[in-house]
């Protein structure tokens, strides 16, 4: 029985991509990359160079993880990149509008 479990465990180590290509995992990684890229911009806006550098390194790690686990998701074409940039722009505009209309309370 122990040898069967050891064999199954060894097969699991040899084929790590089977469970890693879960679409929800890929979507979660894309969400995290987009979030932390926004944080890099925010750090640069506040002049926090160390924060921006460390956050950019984290984004690079997440992008490498995405490339390993989800090759179809990691290859960004021009349309995906334009959509991502538009989403970041809309997020910044919404934040600015909220600050303006609430007179800085938000």
Protein backbone atom coordinates (compact mmCIF):
# COMPACT_ATOMS: atom_id res chain seq x y z
CA UNK A 1 0.00 0.00 0.00
CA UNK A 2 2.80 2.41 0.87
CA UNK A 3 4.54 1.72 -2.43
CA UNK A 4 1.34 2.57 -4.34
CA UNK A 5 1.02 5.87 -2.48
CA UNK A 6 4.69 6.65 -3.10
CA UNK A 7 4.21 5.91 -6.80
CA UNK A 8 1.18 8.21 -7.02
CA UNK A 9 3.10 10.93 -5.17
CA UNK A 10 6.06 10.56 -7.56
CA UNK A 11 3.76 10.84 -10.58
CA UNK A 12 2.26 14.00 -9.07
CA UNK A 13 5.71 15.52 -8.78
CA UNK A 14 6.60 14.67 -12.35
CA UNK A 15 3.45 16.20 -13.80
CA UNK A 16 2.85 19.46 -11.90
CA UNK A 17 0.94 21.18 -14.70
CA UNK A 18 -2.17 19.04 -14.48
CA UNK A 19 -3.71 20.75 -11.45
CA UNK A 20 -2.04 24.08 -12.10
CA UNK A 21 -3.93 24.89 -15.29
CA UNK A 22 -7.20 25.52 -13.49
CA UNK A 23 -8.96 28.46 -15.21
CA UNK A 24 -9.94 30.03 -11.90
CA UNK A 25 -6.30 29.95 -10.79
CA UNK A 26 -5.30 31.64 -14.06
CA UNK A 27 -7.96 34.30 -13.60
CA UNK A 28 -6.87 34.89 -10.01
CA UNK A 29 -3.27 35.38 -11.13
CA UNK A 30 -4.37 37.84 -13.85
CA UNK A 31 -6.42 39.76 -11.26
CA UNK A 32 -3.43 39.92 -8.90
CA UNK A 33 -1.12 41.11 -11.68
CA UNK A 34 -3.53 43.89 -12.65
CA UNK A 35 -4.00 44.89 -9.01
CA UNK A 36 -0.30 45.08 -8.20
CA UNK A 37 0.48 46.91 -11.44
CA UNK A 38 -1.96 49.56 -10.23
CA UNK A 39 -0.12 49.63 -6.91
CA UNK A 40 3.16 50.26 -8.75
CA UNK A 41 1.60 53.34 -10.33
CA UNK A 42 0.28 54.45 -6.96
CA UNK A 43 3.69 54.05 -5.33
CA UNK A 44 5.28 56.10 -8.10
CA UNK A 45 2.59 58.75 -7.67
CA UNK A 46 3.50 59.10 -3.99
CA UNK A 47 7.23 59.06 -4.72
CA UNK A 48 7.86 55.81 -2.86
CA UNK A 49 10.59 54.30 -5.03
CA UNK A 50 11.32 51.35 -2.74
CA UNK A 51 7.65 50.40 -2.62
CA UNK A 52 7.36 50.68 -6.41
CA UNK A 53 10.47 48.57 -6.95
CA UNK A 54 9.40 45.80 -4.56
CA UNK A 55 5.88 45.74 -5.97
CA UNK A 56 7.24 45.54 -9.53
CA UNK A 57 9.38 42.56 -8.49
CA UNK A 58 6.23 40.93 -7.10
CA UNK A 59 4.44 41.59 -10.41
CA UNK A 60 7.35 39.97 -12.26
CA UNK A 61 7.10 36.89 -10.03
CA UNK A 62 3.35 36.67 -10.64
CA UNK A 63 3.87 37.01 -14.41
CA UNK A 64 6.44 34.20 -14.34
CA UNK A 65 4.03 32.04 -12.35
CA UNK A 66 1.27 32.82 -14.86
CA UNK A 67 3.55 31.91 -17.76
CA UNK A 68 4.40 28.57 -16.11
CA UNK A 69 0.88 27.60 -15.10
CA UNK A 70 -1.26 29.19 -17.80
CA UNK A 71 0.58 29.64 -21.11
CA UNK A 72 -2.62 30.62 -22.93
CA UNK A 73 -3.32 33.41 -20.42
CA UNK A 74 0.22 34.72 -20.21
CA UNK A 75 0.56 35.53 -23.90
CA UNK A 76 -1.00 38.98 -23.97
CA UNK A 77 -1.87 40.24 -27.38
CA UNK A 78 -2.41 43.89 -28.25
CA UNK A 79 -6.16 43.80 -27.64
CA UNK A 80 -5.77 42.31 -24.17
CA UNK A 81 -3.13 44.86 -23.27
CA UNK A 82 -5.31 47.73 -24.55
CA UNK A 83 -8.27 46.42 -22.53
CA UNK A 84 -6.12 46.17 -19.41
CA UNK A 85 -4.83 49.71 -19.87
CA UNK A 86 -8.39 50.97 -20.39
CA UNK A 87 -9.54 49.23 -17.19
CA UNK A 88 -6.71 50.86 -15.23
CA UNK A 89 -7.59 54.26 -16.72
CA UNK A 90 -11.26 53.85 -15.79
CA UNK A 91 -10.30 52.83 -12.27
CA UNK A 92 -8.17 55.97 -11.88
CA UNK A 93 -10.95 58.14 -13.30
CA UNK A 94 -13.52 56.64 -10.94
CA UNK A 95 -11.25 57.25 -7.97
CA UNK A 96 -10.68 60.88 -9.02
CA UNK A 97 -14.40 61.42 -9.57
CA UNK A 98 -15.22 59.97 -6.15
CA UNK A 99 -12.73 62.33 -4.51
CA UNK A 100 -14.08 65.29 -6.45
CA UNK A 101 -17.76 64.69 -5.79
CA UNK A 102 -17.28 63.87 -2.11
CA UNK A 103 -15.00 66.88 -1.62
CA UNK A 104 -12.06 64.71 -0.60
CA UNK A 105 -13.94 62.58 1.91
CA UNK A 106 -13.44 59.41 -0.10
